[in-house]
Protein backbone atom coordinates (compact mmCIF):
# COMPACT_ATOMS: atom_id res chain seq x y z
CA MET A 1 61.41 7.81 13.49
CA ALA A 2 59.47 7.03 16.24
CA THR A 3 60.24 3.83 18.52
CA LYS A 4 57.59 1.51 18.95
CA ILE A 5 56.62 0.20 22.21
CA SER A 6 55.28 -3.32 21.92
CA MET A 7 54.77 -3.44 26.48
CA LEU A 8 53.82 -1.40 29.02
CA ALA A 9 54.89 -2.47 32.15
CA ILE A 10 52.59 -0.62 35.12
CA ASP A 11 53.77 -0.22 38.46
CA LEU A 12 50.80 1.03 40.99
CA ALA A 13 50.43 2.76 43.49
CA LYS A 14 47.93 5.70 45.02
CA GLY A 15 49.33 8.84 43.33
CA SER A 16 52.08 7.87 41.00
CA PHE A 17 52.73 5.15 38.56
CA GLN A 18 56.04 4.28 37.75
CA VAL A 19 55.70 2.80 33.94
CA CYS A 20 58.51 1.39 31.98
CA ALA A 21 58.26 1.11 28.02
CA VAL A 22 59.96 -1.78 26.35
CA GLY A 23 60.96 -1.82 22.82
CA PRO A 24 59.78 -5.09 20.52
CA ASP A 25 63.70 -6.22 21.03
CA GLY A 26 63.62 -6.27 25.10
CA THR A 27 64.65 -3.05 25.05
CA VAL A 28 63.82 0.18 27.76
CA LEU A 29 62.93 2.60 26.18
CA TYR A 30 61.88 4.43 29.36
CA ASN A 31 60.84 4.71 32.71
CA ARG A 32 58.90 7.65 34.32
CA ALA A 33 56.89 8.32 36.83
CA LEU A 34 53.33 9.21 36.11
CA SER A 35 50.44 11.54 37.46
CA ARG A 36 47.23 9.34 37.69
CA THR A 37 46.08 11.99 35.06
CA ARG A 38 48.85 11.62 33.40
CA LEU A 39 49.01 7.68 32.75
CA ALA A 40 44.97 8.06 31.46
CA ALA A 41 46.18 10.38 29.02
CA LEU A 42 49.47 7.63 27.78
CA LEU A 43 47.14 5.01 27.73
CA ALA A 44 44.61 6.91 24.96
CA GLU A 45 47.14 8.32 23.25
CA GLN A 46 49.81 4.78 22.29
CA PRO A 47 48.74 2.85 19.89
CA THR A 48 47.95 -0.67 20.78
CA CYS A 49 50.52 -2.88 23.50
CA ILE A 50 50.68 -5.03 25.71
CA VAL A 51 49.85 -3.32 29.19
CA ALA A 52 51.73 -5.74 32.27
CA MET A 53 51.11 -5.00 35.58
CA GLU A 54 50.99 -6.00 39.49
CA ALA A 55 47.01 -7.78 40.15
CA CYS A 56 45.98 -6.04 43.23
CA ALA A 57 42.84 -4.31 43.88
CA THR A 58 43.42 -1.56 41.45
CA SER A 59 45.04 -3.44 38.37
CA HIS A 60 41.57 -4.35 37.41
CA HIS A 61 40.35 -1.32 37.14
CA TRP A 62 43.37 0.52 35.46
CA GLY A 63 43.21 -2.72 32.63
CA ARG A 64 40.07 -1.74 31.56
CA VAL A 65 41.06 0.93 31.28
CA ALA A 66 44.04 -0.24 28.75
CA GLN A 67 41.57 -2.89 27.10
CA ARG A 68 39.21 0.86 25.99
CA HIS A 69 41.83 1.45 24.74
CA GLY A 70 43.24 -1.51 22.66
CA HIS A 71 45.39 -2.77 23.97
CA GLU A 72 45.62 -6.19 25.96
CA VAL A 73 46.23 -6.63 29.54
CA ARG A 74 48.14 -9.32 30.99
CA LEU A 75 47.96 -9.04 34.52
CA VAL A 76 51.07 -10.65 36.91
CA PRO A 77 50.23 -13.02 40.23
CA ALA A 78 52.46 -10.65 42.95
CA ALA A 79 53.91 -14.01 43.52
CA TYR A 80 56.48 -13.08 40.46
């Protein structure tokens, strides 16, 4: 049985991104570093969920990529 991911928390960087998948009960399912291409592929193949990331220069680009695949995007201000 596959575990459903309810949220992807993404820490954006230049070359690699840290992605943390969280289940519906709040448990961390995985936490791994991904390349740009692999992040784009993950967003495309992942069933719709919440995608949270810090609001920064590239978050708008990645937010649009996630929205194209049906995800709900939440940008978190850096102060939090």
